[in-house]
Amino acid sequence: MKKILIGGIVGGLLIFIWQTLSWTVLQLHQPVQQYHPKQDSIMSFLNATINQEGGYLMPTLPQGSSMDDMNKFSEKVLHKPWAQIQYHKDYKVDMHTMYMNMLRGFLANIIIVCLLVWILNKMGKQSFLTTFFVTLFIGVITFTNEPYTTHIWYELFDIKAHLTDALASWGLCGLWLGWWLNRK
């Protein structure tokens, strides 16, 4: 149990530190958080136009449209601009909320790494390299499952940052777990 907890806490901390650096100091995800000089006008238009919070893909068809309508629509919008909007009526991020979100993220990282350590322990004795590569592969799996499969359909401007995050954070965690779980 001690191996799992210490492995999870330190591994989760390493992932959390990388995530923090990636989004702040290194600004790898800046392409999805860009400033626009007409943001006040855009927000005023959205506030006047959108009545409820939600995710919007524009242009798109109403739910329940026929296949024939979808085919005609696809031809009409091909090679034209499109947008994805995540619209919220209330900006609720203050310092308290930010700290709570960071704590929740950190705890999630600890739980994920504890689960990984439990799995690694079930594999029996393994080498530093096996532990490292299994951990790194977990990073590749998480990247491929979410950011990459989303990117296939809705191009993400920070896809390279997500790949870097997966390799760096899980690589660091793998170095730690490779040492921690295989020390004499």
N, C-alpha and C. Protein backbone atom coordinates (compact mmCIF):
# COMPACT_ATOMS: atom_id res chain seq x y z
N MET A 1 0.82 -1.20 0.00
CA MET A 1 0.00 0.00 0.00
C MET A 1 0.87 1.27 0.00
N LYS A 2 1.98 1.20 0.74
CA LYS A 2 2.89 2.35 0.80
C LYS A 2 3.45 2.66 -0.58
N LYS A 3 3.84 1.60 -1.33
CA LYS A 3 4.38 1.80 -2.68
C LYS A 3 3.34 2.48 -3.57
N ILE A 4 2.10 2.05 -3.46
CA ILE A 4 1.04 2.61 -4.29
C ILE A 4 0.81 4.08 -3.95
N LEU A 5 0.69 4.38 -2.66
CA LEU A 5 0.41 5.76 -2.24
C LEU A 5 1.56 6.72 -2.57
N ILE A 6 2.77 6.34 -2.22
CA ILE A 6 3.91 7.22 -2.50
C ILE A 6 4.13 7.32 -4.01
N GLY A 7 4.05 6.20 -4.69
CA GLY A 7 4.17 6.22 -6.16
C GLY A 7 3.12 7.11 -6.79
N GLY A 8 1.87 7.01 -6.30
CA GLY A 8 0.77 7.82 -6.83
C GLY A 8 0.91 9.29 -6.53
N ILE A 9 1.30 9.62 -5.31
CA ILE A 9 1.43 11.04 -4.92
C ILE A 9 2.55 11.71 -5.70
N VAL A 10 3.73 11.08 -5.73
CA VAL A 10 4.86 11.69 -6.43
C VAL A 10 4.62 11.70 -7.94
N GLY A 11 4.14 10.57 -8.48
CA GLY A 11 3.83 10.51 -9.92
C GLY A 11 2.76 11.51 -10.31
N GLY A 12 1.70 11.61 -9.48
CA GLY A 12 0.64 12.59 -9.74
C GLY A 12 1.17 14.01 -9.68
N LEU A 13 2.07 14.27 -8.73
CA LEU A 13 2.68 15.60 -8.62
C LEU A 13 3.52 15.93 -9.86
N LEU A 14 4.28 14.96 -10.35
CA LEU A 14 5.09 15.20 -11.56
C LEU A 14 4.20 15.53 -12.76
N ILE A 15 3.11 14.79 -12.93
CA ILE A 15 2.19 15.07 -14.03
C ILE A 15 1.56 16.45 -13.85
N PHE A 16 1.15 16.76 -12.62
CA PHE A 16 0.54 18.05 -12.32
C PHE A 16 1.50 19.20 -12.60
N ILE A 17 2.75 19.04 -12.19
CA ILE A 17 3.75 20.09 -12.42
C ILE A 17 3.93 20.31 -13.92
N TRP A 18 4.04 19.21 -14.69
CA TRP A 18 4.19 19.38 -16.13
C TRP A 18 2.97 20.09 -16.72
N GLN A 19 1.76 19.68 -16.32
CA GLN A 19 0.55 20.31 -16.84
C GLN A 19 0.55 21.81 -16.53
N THR A 20 0.94 22.15 -15.32
CA THR A 20 0.98 23.56 -14.92
C THR A 20 1.98 24.33 -15.79
N LEU A 21 3.17 23.78 -15.96
CA LEU A 21 4.18 24.44 -16.79
C LEU A 21 3.70 24.56 -18.24
N SER A 22 3.08 23.53 -18.76
CA SER A 22 2.63 23.50 -20.14
C SER A 22 1.61 24.61 -20.43
N TRP A 23 0.66 24.80 -19.51
CA TRP A 23 -0.40 25.77 -19.72
C TRP A 23 -0.01 27.19 -19.30
N THR A 24 1.02 27.33 -18.46
CA THR A 24 1.37 28.67 -17.96
C THR A 24 2.72 29.13 -18.50
N VAL A 25 3.78 28.73 -17.89
CA VAL A 25 5.12 29.22 -18.22
C VAL A 25 5.49 28.93 -19.67
N LEU A 26 5.28 27.70 -20.12
CA LEU A 26 5.66 27.32 -21.48
C LEU A 26 4.64 27.76 -22.53
N GLN A 27 3.42 28.01 -22.11
CA GLN A 27 2.32 28.47 -22.97
C GLN A 27 2.17 27.63 -24.24
N LEU A 28 2.26 26.31 -24.08
CA LEU A 28 2.13 25.42 -25.23
C LEU A 28 0.71 25.43 -25.81
N HIS A 29 -0.26 25.74 -24.97
CA HIS A 29 -1.66 25.71 -25.40
C HIS A 29 -2.19 27.09 -25.82
N GLN A 30 -1.30 28.04 -25.99
CA GLN A 30 -1.70 29.40 -26.37
C GLN A 30 -2.55 29.45 -27.64
N PRO A 31 -2.31 28.58 -28.62
CA PRO A 31 -3.12 28.66 -29.84
C PRO A 31 -4.63 28.48 -29.63
N VAL A 32 -5.06 27.93 -28.49
CA VAL A 32 -6.50 27.78 -28.24
C VAL A 32 -7.01 28.80 -27.22
N GLN A 33 -6.17 29.76 -26.87
CA GLN A 33 -6.57 30.79 -25.91
C GLN A 33 -6.16 32.18 -26.40
N GLN A 34 -6.22 32.38 -27.69
CA GLN A 34 -5.73 33.62 -28.26
C GLN A 34 -6.66 34.81 -27.97
N TYR A 35 -6.05 35.94 -27.87
CA TYR A 35 -6.78 37.20 -27.74
C TYR A 35 -7.29 37.62 -29.12
N HIS A 36 -8.47 38.17 -29.15
CA HIS A 36 -8.98 38.75 -30.40
C HIS A 36 -9.36 40.20 -30.12
N PRO A 37 -8.88 41.14 -30.93
CA PRO A 37 -9.13 42.56 -30.66
C PRO A 37 -10.62 42.94 -30.71
N LYS A 38 -11.45 42.13 -31.34
CA LYS A 38 -12.89 42.43 -31.40
C LYS A 38 -13.69 41.55 -30.44
N GLN A 39 -13.03 41.08 -29.39
CA GLN A 39 -13.71 40.18 -28.46
C GLN A 39 -14.94 40.79 -27.81
N ASP A 40 -14.91 42.08 -27.49
CA ASP A 40 -16.08 42.70 -26.86
C ASP A 40 -17.27 42.69 -27.81
N SER A 41 -17.06 43.00 -29.07
CA SER A 41 -18.14 42.98 -30.06
C SER A 41 -18.65 41.56 -30.28
N ILE A 42 -17.73 40.63 -30.36
CA ILE A 42 -18.12 39.22 -30.57
C ILE A 42 -18.94 38.73 -29.39
N MET A 43 -18.47 39.02 -28.16
CA MET A 43 -19.19 38.58 -26.97
C MET A 43 -20.56 39.24 -26.87
N SER A 44 -20.65 40.51 -27.22
CA SER A 44 -21.95 41.20 -27.22
C SER A 44 -22.92 40.53 -28.19
N PHE A 45 -22.42 40.18 -29.38
CA PHE A 45 -23.25 39.51 -30.36
C PHE A 45 -23.70 38.14 -29.85
N LEU A 46 -22.76 37.37 -29.29
CA LEU A 46 -23.11 36.05 -28.77
C LEU A 46 -24.12 36.16 -27.63
N ASN A 47 -23.91 37.11 -26.73
CA ASN A 47 -24.83 37.29 -25.60
C ASN A 47 -26.24 37.65 -26.07
N ALA A 48 -26.32 38.42 -27.14
CA ALA A 48 -27.62 38.82 -27.68
C ALA A 48 -28.26 37.71 -28.51
N THR A 49 -27.45 36.77 -28.98
CA THR A 49 -27.93 35.77 -29.93
C THR A 49 -28.17 34.40 -29.30
N ILE A 50 -27.31 33.99 -28.39
CA ILE A 50 -27.42 32.65 -27.80
C ILE A 50 -28.15 32.75 -26.47
N ASN A 51 -29.18 31.92 -26.32
CA ASN A 51 -30.02 31.98 -25.11
C ASN A 51 -29.60 31.03 -24.01
N GLN A 52 -28.92 29.96 -24.37
CA GLN A 52 -28.56 29.00 -23.33
C GLN A 52 -27.12 28.53 -23.49
N GLU A 53 -26.53 28.13 -22.35
CA GLU A 53 -25.17 27.61 -22.37
C GLU A 53 -25.13 26.34 -23.19
N GLY A 54 -23.98 26.10 -23.82
CA GLY A 54 -23.83 24.87 -24.58
C GLY A 54 -22.67 24.94 -25.54
N GLY A 55 -22.44 23.82 -26.19
CA GLY A 55 -21.43 23.73 -27.23
C GLY A 55 -22.10 23.81 -28.58
N TYR A 56 -21.58 24.64 -29.45
CA TYR A 56 -22.20 24.87 -30.75
C TYR A 56 -21.16 24.68 -31.85
N LEU A 57 -21.57 23.97 -32.90
CA LEU A 57 -20.77 23.80 -34.10
C LEU A 57 -21.48 24.56 -35.20
N MET A 58 -20.76 25.47 -35.84
CA MET A 58 -21.38 26.31 -36.86
C MET A 58 -20.54 26.30 -38.12
N PRO A 59 -21.11 26.07 -39.25
CA PRO A 59 -22.52 25.77 -39.46
C PRO A 59 -22.80 24.28 -39.24
N THR A 60 -24.03 23.97 -38.93
CA THR A 60 -24.49 22.59 -38.83
C THR A 60 -25.99 22.57 -39.08
N LEU A 61 -26.54 21.40 -39.15
CA LEU A 61 -27.98 21.24 -39.38
C LEU A 61 -28.69 20.92 -38.08
N PRO A 62 -29.99 21.20 -38.01
CA PRO A 62 -30.74 20.82 -36.82
C PRO A 62 -30.77 19.30 -36.65
N GLN A 63 -30.88 18.86 -35.42
CA GLN A 63 -30.96 17.44 -35.14
C GLN A 63 -32.17 16.84 -35.86
N GLY A 64 -32.01 15.65 -36.39
CA GLY A 64 -33.10 14.99 -37.08
C GLY A 64 -33.18 15.30 -38.57
N SER A 65 -32.20 16.03 -39.09
CA SER A 65 -32.19 16.34 -40.53
C SER A 65 -32.01 15.05 -41.33
N SER A 66 -32.57 15.05 -42.50
CA SER A 66 -32.49 13.85 -43.34
C SER A 66 -31.09 13.69 -43.93
N MET A 67 -30.80 12.50 -44.38
CA MET A 67 -29.51 12.22 -45.01
C MET A 67 -29.36 13.06 -46.28
N ASP A 68 -30.45 13.25 -47.00
CA ASP A 68 -30.41 14.07 -48.21
C ASP A 68 -30.03 15.51 -47.85
N ASP A 69 -30.65 16.04 -46.78
CA ASP A 69 -30.32 17.39 -46.32
C ASP A 69 -28.85 17.48 -45.90
N MET A 70 -28.36 16.44 -45.24
CA MET A 70 -26.95 16.42 -44.80
C MET A 70 -26.00 16.42 -45.99
N ASN A 71 -26.32 15.66 -47.01
CA ASN A 71 -25.47 15.62 -48.21
C ASN A 71 -25.44 16.97 -48.91
N LYS A 72 -26.59 17.61 -49.06
CA LYS A 72 -26.66 18.93 -49.69
C LYS A 72 -25.89 19.95 -48.85
N PHE A 73 -26.08 19.88 -47.54
CA PHE A 73 -25.42 20.79 -46.62
C PHE A 73 -23.90 20.64 -46.72
N SER A 74 -23.42 19.39 -46.74
CA SER A 74 -21.98 19.13 -46.82
C SER A 74 -21.37 19.76 -48.06
N GLU A 75 -22.06 19.67 -49.18
CA GLU A 75 -21.56 20.28 -50.42
C GLU A 75 -21.55 21.81 -50.29
N LYS A 76 -22.57 22.35 -49.65
CA LYS A 76 -22.71 23.81 -49.52
C LYS A 76 -21.61 24.42 -48.64
N VAL A 77 -21.21 23.73 -47.59
CA VAL A 77 -20.26 24.31 -46.63
C VAL A 77 -18.81 23.89 -46.88
N LEU A 78 -18.59 22.98 -47.81
CA LEU A 78 -17.24 22.49 -48.09
C LEU A 78 -16.30 23.66 -48.42
N HIS A 79 -15.15 23.68 -47.75
CA HIS A 79 -14.10 24.70 -47.94
C HIS A 79 -14.54 26.10 -47.49
N LYS A 80 -15.52 26.17 -46.59
CA LYS A 80 -15.94 27.46 -46.04
C LYS A 80 -15.59 27.50 -44.55
N PRO A 81 -15.57 28.68 -43.96
CA PRO A 81 -15.22 28.80 -42.54
C PRO A 81 -16.21 28.07 -41.63
N TRP A 82 -15.72 27.66 -40.49
CA TRP A 82 -16.56 27.03 -39.48
C TRP A 82 -16.01 27.39 -38.10
N ALA A 83 -16.83 27.19 -37.07
CA ALA A 83 -16.41 27.51 -35.71
C ALA A 83 -17.06 26.56 -34.72
N GLN A 84 -16.35 26.36 -33.62
CA GLN A 84 -16.89 25.65 -32.47
C GLN A 84 -16.93 26.66 -31.34
N ILE A 85 -18.06 26.74 -30.67
CA ILE A 85 -18.21 27.70 -29.58
C ILE A 85 -18.62 26.95 -28.32
N GLN A 86 -17.92 27.19 -27.24
CA GLN A 86 -18.32 26.70 -25.92
C GLN A 86 -18.83 27.93 -25.18
N TYR A 87 -20.15 28.07 -25.11
CA TYR A 87 -20.73 29.31 -24.59
C TYR A 87 -21.21 29.12 -23.16
N HIS A 88 -20.79 30.06 -22.31
CA HIS A 88 -21.18 30.07 -20.91
C HIS A 88 -21.76 31.44 -20.58
N LYS A 89 -22.83 31.47 -19.83
CA LYS A 89 -23.49 32.73 -19.48
C LYS A 89 -22.77 33.49 -18.37
N ASP A 90 -21.98 32.78 -17.57
CA ASP A 90 -21.38 33.40 -16.39
C ASP A 90 -19.93 32.97 -16.25
N TYR A 91 -19.00 33.91 -16.28
CA TYR A 91 -17.58 33.63 -16.07
C TYR A 91 -17.36 33.45 -14.58
N LYS A 92 -17.18 32.20 -14.15
CA LYS A 92 -17.15 31.88 -12.72
C LYS A 92 -15.76 31.57 -12.18
N VAL A 93 -14.73 31.94 -12.89
CA VAL A 93 -13.39 31.57 -12.44
C VAL A 93 -12.77 32.72 -11.66
N ASP A 94 -12.78 32.56 -10.34
CA ASP A 94 -12.06 33.50 -9.48
C ASP A 94 -10.90 32.71 -8.85
N MET A 95 -10.16 33.32 -7.98
CA MET A 95 -8.99 32.65 -7.40
C MET A 95 -9.39 31.40 -6.62
N HIS A 96 -10.49 31.47 -5.86
CA HIS A 96 -10.94 30.30 -5.10
C HIS A 96 -11.29 29.15 -6.04
N THR A 97 -12.04 29.46 -7.10
CA THR A 97 -12.42 28.43 -8.07
C THR A 97 -11.18 27.84 -8.73
N MET A 98 -10.24 28.70 -9.09
CA MET A 98 -9.03 28.23 -9.73
C MET A 98 -8.26 27.26 -8.82
N TYR A 99 -8.12 27.62 -7.55
CA TYR A 99 -7.41 26.75 -6.62
C TYR A 99 -8.13 25.43 -6.43
N MET A 100 -9.45 25.46 -6.36
CA MET A 100 -10.22 24.22 -6.21
C MET A 100 -10.08 23.36 -7.46
N ASN A 101 -10.11 23.96 -8.64
CA ASN A 101 -9.93 23.20 -9.88
C ASN A 101 -8.54 22.58 -9.94
N MET A 102 -7.54 23.33 -9.49
CA MET A 102 -6.17 22.80 -9.47
C MET A 102 -6.08 21.62 -8.50
N LEU A 103 -6.71 21.74 -7.34
CA LEU A 103 -6.70 20.66 -6.36
C LEU A 103 -7.40 19.43 -6.93
N ARG A 104 -8.53 19.62 -7.58
CA ARG A 104 -9.26 18.50 -8.18
C ARG A 104 -8.41 17.82 -9.26
N GLY A 105 -7.72 18.62 -10.08
CA GLY A 105 -6.84 18.06 -11.10
C GLY A 105 -5.70 17.27 -10.50
N PHE A 106 -5.10 17.83 -9.44
CA PHE A 106 -4.00 17.16 -8.75
C PHE A 106 -4.45 15.83 -8.15
N LEU A 107 -5.61 15.84 -7.49
CA LEU A 107 -6.15 14.61 -6.90
C LEU A 107 -6.47 13.57 -7.98
N ALA A 108 -6.99 14.03 -9.11
CA ALA A 108 -7.26 13.11 -10.22
C ALA A 108 -5.96 12.47 -10.72
N ASN A 109 -4.90 13.27 -10.83
CA ASN A 109 -3.60 12.74 -11.25
C ASN A 109 -3.09 11.69 -10.27
N ILE A 110 -3.23 11.96 -8.98
CA ILE A 110 -2.79 11.00 -7.95
C ILE A 110 -3.57 9.69 -8.09
N ILE A 111 -4.88 9.79 -8.25
CA ILE A 111 -5.71 8.58 -8.37
C ILE A 111 -5.30 7.78 -9.61
N ILE A 112 -5.11 8.47 -10.74
CA ILE A 112 -4.73 7.79 -11.97
C ILE A 112 -3.40 7.05 -11.79
N VAL A 113 -2.42 7.71 -11.19
CA VAL A 113 -1.12 7.07 -11.02
C VAL A 113 -1.19 5.95 -9.98
N CYS A 114 -1.99 6.12 -8.94
CA CYS A 114 -2.18 5.02 -7.97
C CYS A 114 -2.76 3.79 -8.67
N LEU A 115 -3.74 4.01 -9.55
CA LEU A 115 -4.31 2.88 -10.31
C LEU A 115 -3.26 2.23 -11.20
N LEU A 116 -2.42 3.06 -11.83
CA LEU A 116 -1.35 2.53 -12.66
C LEU A 116 -0.37 1.71 -11.83
N VAL A 117 0.01 2.21 -10.65
CA VAL A 117 0.95 1.48 -9.79
C VAL A 117 0.34 0.15 -9.37
N TRP A 118 -0.95 0.16 -9.07
CA TRP A 118 -1.62 -1.08 -8.70
C TRP A 118 -1.53 -2.09 -9.85
N ILE A 119 -1.79 -1.63 -11.08
CA ILE A 119 -1.69 -2.51 -12.25
C ILE A 119 -0.26 -3.02 -12.42
N LEU A 120 0.70 -2.11 -12.30
CA LEU A 120 2.11 -2.51 -12.43
C LEU A 120 2.49 -3.55 -11.38
N ASN A 121 2.00 -3.38 -10.17
CA ASN A 121 2.29 -4.35 -9.11
C ASN A 121 1.69 -5.72 -9.42
N LYS A 122 0.56 -5.74 -10.09
CA LYS A 122 -0.09 -7.01 -10.47
C LYS A 122 0.70 -7.74 -11.56
N MET A 123 1.53 -7.01 -12.27
CA MET A 123 2.35 -7.61 -13.33
C MET A 123 3.54 -8.38 -12.75
N GLY A 124 3.76 -8.25 -11.47
CA GLY A 124 4.92 -8.90 -10.87
C GLY A 124 6.15 -8.03 -11.02
N LYS A 125 7.28 -8.61 -10.73
CA LYS A 125 8.54 -7.86 -10.81
C LYS A 125 8.86 -7.53 -12.25
N GLN A 126 9.13 -6.28 -12.52
CA GLN A 126 9.54 -5.87 -13.86
C GLN A 126 10.75 -4.94 -13.75
N SER A 127 11.35 -4.65 -14.86
CA SER A 127 12.55 -3.82 -14.88
C SER A 127 12.19 -2.34 -14.91
N PHE A 128 13.20 -1.52 -14.72
CA PHE A 128 13.04 -0.07 -14.84
C PHE A 128 12.45 0.27 -16.20
N LEU A 129 13.03 -0.30 -17.27
CA LEU A 129 12.59 0.02 -18.63
C LEU A 129 11.15 -0.42 -18.89
N THR A 130 10.77 -1.59 -18.39
CA THR A 130 9.40 -2.05 -18.57
C THR A 130 8.43 -1.09 -17.89
N THR A 131 8.73 -0.70 -16.66
CA THR A 131 7.89 0.24 -15.93
C THR A 131 7.82 1.57 -16.67
N PHE A 132 8.96 2.06 -17.12
CA PHE A 132 9.00 3.32 -17.84
C PHE A 132 8.15 3.26 -19.10
N PHE A 133 8.34 2.22 -19.91
CA PHE A 133 7.61 2.14 -21.19
C PHE A 133 6.12 1.90 -20.99
N VAL A 134 5.73 1.09 -20.01
CA VAL A 134 4.31 0.90 -19.72
C VAL A 134 3.68 2.24 -19.34
N THR A 135 4.36 3.00 -18.51
CA THR A 135 3.85 4.31 -18.09
C THR A 135 3.79 5.26 -19.28
N LEU A 136 4.81 5.29 -20.10
CA LEU A 136 4.81 6.15 -21.28
C LEU A 136 3.68 5.75 -22.24
N PHE A 137 3.45 4.45 -22.39
CA PHE A 137 2.37 3.98 -23.27
C PHE A 137 1.00 4.42 -22.74
N ILE A 138 0.86 4.51 -21.42
CA ILE A 138 -0.39 5.04 -20.84
C ILE A 138 -0.60 6.47 -21.34
N GLY A 139 0.47 7.25 -21.38
CA GLY A 139 0.38 8.62 -21.91
C GLY A 139 -0.03 8.63 -23.36
N VAL A 140 0.53 7.73 -24.15
CA VAL A 140 0.18 7.65 -25.57
C VAL A 140 -1.28 7.23 -25.72
N ILE A 141 -1.73 6.29 -24.89
CA ILE A 141 -3.13 5.86 -24.93
C ILE A 141 -4.07 7.01 -24.59
N THR A 142 -3.76 7.76 -23.54
CA THR A 142 -4.63 8.87 -23.15
C THR A 142 -4.67 9.95 -24.23
N PHE A 143 -3.52 10.23 -24.84
CA PHE A 143 -3.47 11.20 -25.93
C PHE A 143 -4.30 10.74 -27.12
N THR A 144 -4.12 9.48 -27.50
CA THR A 144 -4.81 8.96 -28.67
C THR A 144 -6.32 8.86 -28.44
N ASN A 145 -6.72 8.51 -27.22
CA ASN A 145 -8.14 8.36 -26.91
C ASN A 145 -8.92 9.67 -26.98
N GLU A 146 -8.37 10.74 -26.45
CA GLU A 146 -9.15 11.98 -26.42
C GLU A 146 -8.65 13.07 -27.36
N PRO A 147 -7.54 13.73 -27.09
CA PRO A 147 -7.21 14.86 -27.97
C PRO A 147 -7.07 14.46 -29.44
N TYR A 148 -6.41 13.32 -29.69
CA TYR A 148 -6.17 12.98 -31.10
C TYR A 148 -7.46 12.61 -31.83
N THR A 149 -8.32 11.80 -31.21
CA THR A 149 -9.55 11.42 -31.90
C THR A 149 -10.48 12.62 -32.07
N THR A 150 -10.43 13.57 -31.16
CA THR A 150 -11.17 14.82 -31.35
C THR A 150 -10.58 15.59 -32.51
N HIS A 151 -9.25 15.64 -32.58
CA HIS A 151 -8.53 16.38 -33.63
C HIS A 151 -8.84 15.84 -35.02
N ILE A 152 -9.09 14.55 -35.13
CA ILE A 152 -9.42 13.95 -36.42
C ILE A 152 -10.65 14.65 -37.01
N TRP A 153 -11.63 14.95 -36.17
CA TRP A 153 -12.89 15.55 -36.65
C TRP A 153 -12.91 17.06 -36.55
N TYR A 154 -12.37 17.59 -35.46
CA TYR A 154 -12.42 19.03 -35.20
C TYR A 154 -11.00 19.50 -34.90
N GLU A 155 -10.30 19.89 -35.91
CA GLU A 155 -8.89 20.24 -35.81
C GLU A 155 -8.60 21.09 -34.57
N LEU A 156 -7.70 20.59 -33.74
CA LEU A 156 -7.29 21.31 -32.53
C LEU A 156 -6.01 22.09 -32.84
N PHE A 157 -5.98 23.33 -32.46
CA PHE A 157 -4.81 24.16 -32.73
C PHE A 157 -3.66 23.86 -31.78
N ASP A 158 -3.95 23.09 -30.72
CA ASP A 158 -2.89 22.74 -29.77
C ASP A 158 -2.64 21.23 -29.71
N ILE A 159 -2.87 20.53 -30.82
CA ILE A 159 -2.68 19.07 -30.82
C ILE A 159 -1.24 18.68 -30.51
N LYS A 160 -0.27 19.43 -31.01
CA LYS A 160 1.14 19.12 -30.71
C LYS A 160 1.44 19.33 -29.23
N ALA A 161 0.79 20.32 -28.63
CA ALA A 161 0.96 20.55 -27.19
C ALA A 161 0.41 19.38 -26.40
N HIS A 162 -0.73 18.84 -26.81
CA HIS A 162 -1.30 17.67 -26.13
C HIS A 162 -0.37 16.46 -26.24
N LEU A 163 0.23 16.26 -27.41
CA LEU A 163 1.17 15.16 -27.58
C LEU A 163 2.40 15.38 -26.70
N THR A 164 2.92 16.60 -26.69
CA THR A 164 4.06 16.92 -25.84
C THR A 164 3.72 16.68 -24.38
N ASP A 165 2.53 17.11 -23.97
CA ASP A 165 2.09 16.89 -22.58
C ASP A 165 2.06 15.41 -22.23
N ALA A 166 1.49 14.61 -23.13
CA ALA A 166 1.38 13.18 -22.86
C ALA A 166 2.76 12.54 -22.72
N LEU A 167 3.64 12.85 -23.65
CA LEU A 167 4.98 12.23 -23.62
C LEU A 167 5.81 12.74 -22.45
N ALA A 168 5.77 14.05 -22.21
CA ALA A 168 6.60 14.62 -21.14
C ALA A 168 6.09 14.24 -19.75
N SER A 169 4.80 14.43 -19.51
CA SER A 169 4.28 14.17 -18.16
C SER A 169 4.34 12.69 -17.80
N TRP A 170 3.90 11.84 -18.73
CA TRP A 170 3.94 10.40 -18.44
C TRP A 170 5.36 9.87 -18.52
N GLY A 171 6.22 10.48 -19.32
CA GLY A 171 7.63 10.10 -19.33
C GLY A 171 8.29 10.39 -17.99
N LEU A 172 8.03 11.59 -17.45
CA LEU A 172 8.55 11.93 -16.12
C LEU A 172 8.04 10.97 -15.07
N CYS A 173 6.73 10.70 -15.14
CA CYS A 173 6.13 9.77 -14.19
C CYS A 173 6.75 8.38 -14.35
N GLY A 174 7.01 7.97 -15.59
CA GLY A 174 7.63 6.67 -15.84
C GLY A 174 9.04 6.57 -15.29
N LEU A 175 9.80 7.66 -15.41
CA LEU A 175 11.14 7.68 -14.82
C LEU A 175 11.06 7.49 -13.30
N TRP A 176 10.13 8.22 -12.68
CA TRP A 176 9.94 8.12 -11.24
C TRP A 176 9.51 6.70 -10.85
N LEU A 177 8.47 6.19 -11.51
CA LEU A 177 7.95 4.87 -11.13
C LEU A 177 8.97 3.77 -11.45
N GLY A 178 9.72 3.94 -12.56
CA GLY A 178 10.76 2.96 -12.88
C GLY A 178 11.77 2.84 -11.77
N TRP A 179 12.13 3.98 -11.18
CA TRP A 179 13.06 3.96 -10.06
C TRP A 179 12.38 3.47 -8.79
N TRP A 180 11.22 4.07 -8.46
CA TRP A 180 10.53 3.80 -7.19
C TRP A 180 10.11 2.34 -7.07
N LEU A 181 9.57 1.78 -8.10
CA LEU A 181 9.05 0.42 -8.02
C LEU A 181 10.11 -0.66 -8.19
N ASN A 182 11.29 -0.27 -8.67
CA ASN A 182 12.33 -1.26 -8.94
C ASN A 182 13.60 -1.05 -8.10
N ARG A 183 13.53 -0.18 -7.09
CA ARG A 183 14.72 0.06 -6.27
C ARG A 183 14.93 -1.14 -5.36
N LYS A 184 16.13 -1.34 -4.97
CA LYS A 184 16.49 -2.49 -4.12
C LYS A 184 16.43 -2.11 -2.67
